[in-house]
Amino acid sequence: MQNGKFLSGRTAPGEGWQNYPDRNGDGVYIDVDTSAGEFADTPAYIAALTGDDRMWMTTGGNTVYAATPTGFRIYVRRVDRQPIDPEYAAKNGWHIAWIAAET
């Protein structure tokens, strides 16, 4: 087995969340910066939505989109389709914990 490069981190609690474009308040997203890993190729990412409250009523918090060597995006919405916005994410201290592995 070849030795790999690993890095882990998290976004700042409650910060960086944006409204879904064109989704009428149906969810939020966050761009996760992993550039500190200085990966040559896109690593495998594992992500989890964490925070103080209300994570249990969401979907999408562990699904990585648009992965590159310097980051990825996570989209989150409530399973009941009730509106959420960046203020909701901030109030609940949401952040993304992640692990990256380049082999």
C-alpha atoms as a PDB file:
ATOM      1  CA  MET A   1       0.000   0.000   0.000  1.00  0.00           C
ATOM      2  CA  GLN A   2       1.301   3.402  -0.970  1.00  0.00           C
ATOM      3  CA  ASN A   3       1.604   6.049   1.717  1.00  0.00           C
ATOM      4  CA  GLY A   4      -0.952   8.793   1.307  1.00  0.00           C
ATOM      5  CA  LYS A   5      -1.445  12.367   2.327  1.00  0.00           C
ATOM      6  CA  PHE A   6      -4.211  13.126   4.816  1.00  0.00           C
ATOM      7  CA  LEU A   7      -5.675  16.329   6.195  1.00  0.00           C
ATOM      8  CA  SER A   8      -8.688  17.167   8.325  1.00  0.00           C
ATOM      9  CA  GLY A   9     -10.401  20.354   9.340  1.00  0.00           C
ATOM     10  CA  ARG A  10     -13.667  22.179   9.779  1.00  0.00           C
ATOM     11  CA  THR A  11     -15.298  25.367   8.697  1.00  0.00           C
ATOM     12  CA  ALA A  12     -15.881  28.109  11.257  1.00  0.00           C
ATOM     13  CA  PRO A  13     -19.117  27.459  13.191  1.00  0.00           C
ATOM     14  CA  GLY A  14     -22.001  29.444  11.729  1.00  0.00           C
ATOM     15  CA  GLU A  15     -19.872  31.197   9.097  1.00  0.00           C
ATOM     16  CA  GLY A  16     -19.677  30.962   5.318  1.00  0.00           C
ATOM     17  CA  TRP A  17     -23.188  29.699   4.616  1.00  0.00           C
ATOM     18  CA  GLN A  18     -24.950  31.067   1.516  1.00  0.00           C
ATOM     19  CA  ASN A  19     -28.483  30.781   0.140  1.00  0.00           C
ATOM     20  CA  TYR A  20     -29.024  28.237  -2.627  1.00  0.00           C
ATOM     21  CA  PRO A  21     -29.146  30.183  -5.864  1.00  0.00           C
ATOM     22  CA  ASP A  22     -32.657  30.157  -7.362  1.00  0.00           C
ATOM     23  CA  ARG A  23     -34.086  27.889  -4.650  1.00  0.00           C
ATOM     24  CA  ASN A  24     -36.461  30.319  -2.889  1.00  0.00           C
ATOM     25  CA  GLY A  25     -35.039  29.752   0.575  1.00  0.00           C
ATOM     26  CA  ASP A  26     -35.107  25.973   0.252  1.00  0.00           C
ATOM     27  CA  GLY A  27     -31.547  25.487   1.483  1.00  0.00           C
ATOM     28  CA  VAL A  28     -28.034  26.705   2.033  1.00  0.00           C
ATOM     29  CA  TYR A  29     -24.591  25.784   0.809  1.00  0.00           C
ATOM     30  CA  ILE A  30     -21.012  26.275   1.919  1.00  0.00           C
ATOM     31  CA  ASP A  31     -17.731  26.184   0.038  1.00  0.00           C
ATOM     32  CA  VAL A  32     -15.088  24.336   2.040  1.00  0.00           C
ATOM     33  CA  ASP A  33     -11.466  25.443   1.595  1.00  0.00           C
ATOM     34  CA  THR A  34      -8.910  22.618   1.765  1.00  0.00           C
ATOM     35  CA  SER A  35      -6.049  24.483   0.087  1.00  0.00           C
ATOM     36  CA  ALA A  36      -3.858  24.083   3.186  1.00  0.00           C
ATOM     37  CA  GLY A  37      -3.429  20.445   2.134  1.00  0.00           C
ATOM     38  CA  GLU A  38      -1.595  21.485  -1.037  1.00  0.00           C
ATOM     39  CA  PHE A  39      -2.984  18.419  -2.795  1.00  0.00           C
ATOM     40  CA  ALA A  40      -1.641  17.742  -6.295  1.00  0.00           C
ATOM     41  CA  ASP A  41      -4.796  15.839  -7.277  1.00  0.00           C
ATOM     42  CA  THR A  42      -8.366  15.918  -6.014  1.00  0.00           C
ATOM     43  CA  PRO A  43      -8.397  13.881  -2.789  1.00  0.00           C
ATOM     44  CA  ALA A  44     -11.214  11.702  -1.522  1.00  0.00           C
ATOM     45  CA  TYR A  45     -13.295  13.794   0.863  1.00  0.00           C
ATOM     46  CA  ILE A  46     -15.461  12.678   3.768  1.00  0.00           C
ATOM     47  CA  ALA A  47     -17.670  15.400   5.227  1.00  0.00           C
ATOM     48  CA  ALA A  48     -20.242  15.777   7.990  1.00  0.00           C
ATOM     49  CA  LEU A  49     -22.583  18.571   9.021  1.00  0.00           C
ATOM     50  CA  THR A  50     -22.021  19.290  12.707  1.00  0.00           C
ATOM     51  CA  GLY A  51     -23.127  22.067  15.039  1.00  0.00           C
ATOM     52  CA  ASP A  52     -25.151  22.910  18.111  1.00  0.00           C
ATOM     53  CA  ASP A  53     -28.664  21.942  16.997  1.00  0.00           C
ATOM     54  CA  ARG A  54     -31.077  21.029  14.202  1.00  0.00           C
ATOM     55  CA  MET A  55     -28.701  18.893  12.098  1.00  0.00           C
ATOM     56  CA  TRP A  56     -31.037  15.897  12.487  1.00  0.00           C
ATOM     57  CA  MET A  57     -33.725  17.544  10.357  1.00  0.00           C
ATOM     58  CA  THR A  58     -31.493  18.065   7.316  1.00  0.00           C
ATOM     59  CA  THR A  59     -30.237  16.193   4.306  1.00  0.00           C
ATOM     60  CA  GLY A  60     -27.134  16.705   2.185  1.00  0.00           C
ATOM     61  CA  GLY A  61     -24.629  17.563   4.897  1.00  0.00           C
ATOM     62  CA  ASN A  62     -22.335  14.680   4.019  1.00  0.00           C
ATOM     63  CA  THR A  63     -22.558  14.845   0.217  1.00  0.00           C
ATOM     64  CA  VAL A  64     -19.547  16.416  -1.498  1.00  0.00           C
ATOM     65  CA  TYR A  65     -20.051  18.403  -4.710  1.00  0.00           C
ATOM     66  CA  ALA A  66     -17.586  20.099  -7.081  1.00  0.00           C
ATOM     67  CA  ALA A  67     -14.521  18.517  -5.468  1.00  0.00           C
ATOM     68  CA  THR A  68     -11.138  19.927  -6.489  1.00  0.00           C
ATOM     69  CA  PRO A  69      -7.649  19.775  -4.955  1.00  0.00           C
ATOM     70  CA  THR A  70      -8.457  23.003  -3.072  1.00  0.00           C
ATOM     71  CA  GLY A  71     -11.973  22.366  -1.799  1.00  0.00           C
ATOM     72  CA  PHE A  72     -15.552  21.266  -2.295  1.00  0.00           C
ATOM     73  CA  ARG A  73     -19.150  22.373  -1.805  1.00  0.00           C
ATOM     74  CA  ILE A  74     -21.905  21.041   0.484  1.00  0.00           C
ATOM     75  CA  TYR A  75     -25.627  21.734  -0.037  1.00  0.00           C
ATOM     76  CA  VAL A  76     -28.011  21.375   2.923  1.00  0.00           C
ATOM     77  CA  ARG A  77     -31.799  21.534   3.102  1.00  0.00           C
ATOM     78  CA  ARG A  78     -34.411  20.466   5.605  1.00  0.00           C
ATOM     79  CA  VAL A  79     -36.073  17.126   4.891  1.00  0.00           C
ATOM     80  CA  ASP A  80     -39.503  18.718   5.379  1.00  0.00           C
ATOM     81  CA  ARG A  81     -38.641  21.421   2.810  1.00  0.00           C
ATOM     82  CA  GLN A  82     -39.185  24.218   5.328  1.00  0.00           C
ATOM     83  CA  PRO A  83     -37.085  27.281   4.489  1.00  0.00           C
ATOM     84  CA  ILE A  84     -33.621  27.718   5.912  1.00  0.00           C
ATOM     85  CA  ASP A  85     -31.143  30.499   5.300  1.00  0.00           C
ATOM     86  CA  PRO A  86     -27.608  31.444   6.365  1.00  0.00           C
ATOM     87  CA  GLU A  87     -28.930  33.027   9.567  1.00  0.00           C
ATOM     88  CA  TYR A  88     -30.560  29.706  10.523  1.00  0.00           C
ATOM     89  CA  ALA A  89     -27.252  27.900   9.942  1.00  0.00           C
ATOM     90  CA  ALA A  90     -25.396  30.529  11.979  1.00  0.00           C
ATOM     91  CA  LYS A  91     -27.911  30.424  14.852  1.00  0.00           C
ATOM     92  CA  ASN A  92     -27.441  26.661  15.095  1.00  0.00           C
ATOM     93  CA  GLY A  93     -23.644  26.812  14.863  1.00  0.00           C
ATOM     94  CA  TRP A  94     -23.499  24.641  11.761  1.00  0.00           C
ATOM     95  CA  HIS A  95     -20.148  23.796  10.294  1.00  0.00           C
ATOM     96  CA  ILE A  96     -18.621  21.105   8.127  1.00  0.00           C
ATOM     97  CA  ALA A  97     -16.046  18.722   9.592  1.00  0.00           C
ATOM     98  CA  TRP A  98     -14.023  16.985   6.897  1.00  0.00           C
ATOM     99  CA  ILE A  99     -11.210  14.576   6.134  1.00  0.00           C
ATOM    100  CA  ALA A 100      -9.245  14.505   2.884  1.00  0.00           C
ATOM    101  CA  ALA A 101      -7.116  11.598   1.667  1.00  0.00           C
ATOM    102  CA  GLU A 102      -4.855  11.675  -1.378  1.00  0.00           C
ATOM    103  CA  THR A 103      -3.298   8.332  -2.256  1.00  0.00           C
END
